[in-house]
Amino acid sequence: MPRRMLATPALVNQYINLFVNRRAYTVQSFRPDPEKGRHYYYRPTERGSGAARLLNEKTISDHLEGKITIGLYAVNPSNQRCKWVAIDADYARAMDDLIKLQYQLTQDRVESALEMSKRGGHLWIFLAVPLLARKCRIYIYDLAQKLGVPVKGSGLAEGIEVFPKHDEVQEGAFGNAIRGPLGIHRGAKRRFWFYGADYSLEAQIEFLTRLRKLTDAELDGFTEGRNLPPSLAKVRSEPEPLKDQETRGGRRGFCILDYVRETRVVGRNYVARCPSCALAGRDRGRDNLAILVSDPRFYQCWAGCTKEMIRAAVGKPIPVRMTA
């Protein structure tokens, strides 16, 4: 693990000014998933109450010093605006495409910062004031289309991903978080620095602070008369869940959402207390059960409870087929 660095209050405040647009955040797990080997992100909660923790100066300091690794959300649901745009690319020749985008941005007098990542890189653009997420997305996707840069989700399995990923985020939803820069990636066990500055927290944040910020008037000019391609437009922060699932006989099938309480949306999932864990006195943080928003038939307990255990816990055991 890299050596720990000291985050002064001044550095923390500069980081907040650059990157923090809302107080919701995620934390990267210290231990990898035993099956997939990946370090997942989760929304931390307060012990006892289960209330979501809010981002503060101490959390930012711990991130910069390498004690934890946080994920940041781009869009503030109170105004649908963001303070930055991040272009994530992690496929073959990803860095070539990011450098191509960076060069094109300079032609518009838009300065950007290229950050290393585990499998590619992130290109960051900072805004003079919080700007509408929809316009930011239109601008970047328009550039990508002009340059022939592949876009993930537009019929392609690989390509760039743009944060913010949504035009709007409803109250109580979050959108998608991206790893906060300058922390330690738990999977790679290292920091990923920005090109163009020495490898120290002070030099890196000074470099980012000096970058020219994109203005509201400039963004209006870049996006006038343009719209997102229909395949990329995401007006809602989350897809609509399938509330009524029908069986072959026309009867409504089992829906786990009918049997859990206090759900919240994290990424593409509802998160709730696992009924099976609850019976055993576990999962006081109420976040072991993940339910796919777009199709609640798919759910999983991260603590290892099986579907049979979960169904039995809610009084709806899975029927056993009898054979002759």
Foldseek 3Di string as FASTA:
>chain_A
DDAFDFQDLVLLVLLCLFAADFFWKWWWALFAQPPPRHTDIDFDADPPVLHTDTHDSVNSRCQLRQVTWMWHAAADQVVQWGFKKKKDAQDVCRQVLVVVLQVVCVVLVFHWWWKQDDRGIMIMAGAPDTDQPQLVVQLSVVSCVVVVFDDDQLPDPHTMAMPVQARHEHPLEGAATDIRANGADSSVRGHIAIPPFDPDSVGRSVVVVPGDHHYPVSSCVSCVPTGDDPSRHHHYRADAADPFDADPVRDGDDACVVQFDDWGDDHQWTAAAQLLQVVVVDDSSGGQKTAGRHYRVDIDGSVDDDPQSSCVSSVRGDDDDDDD
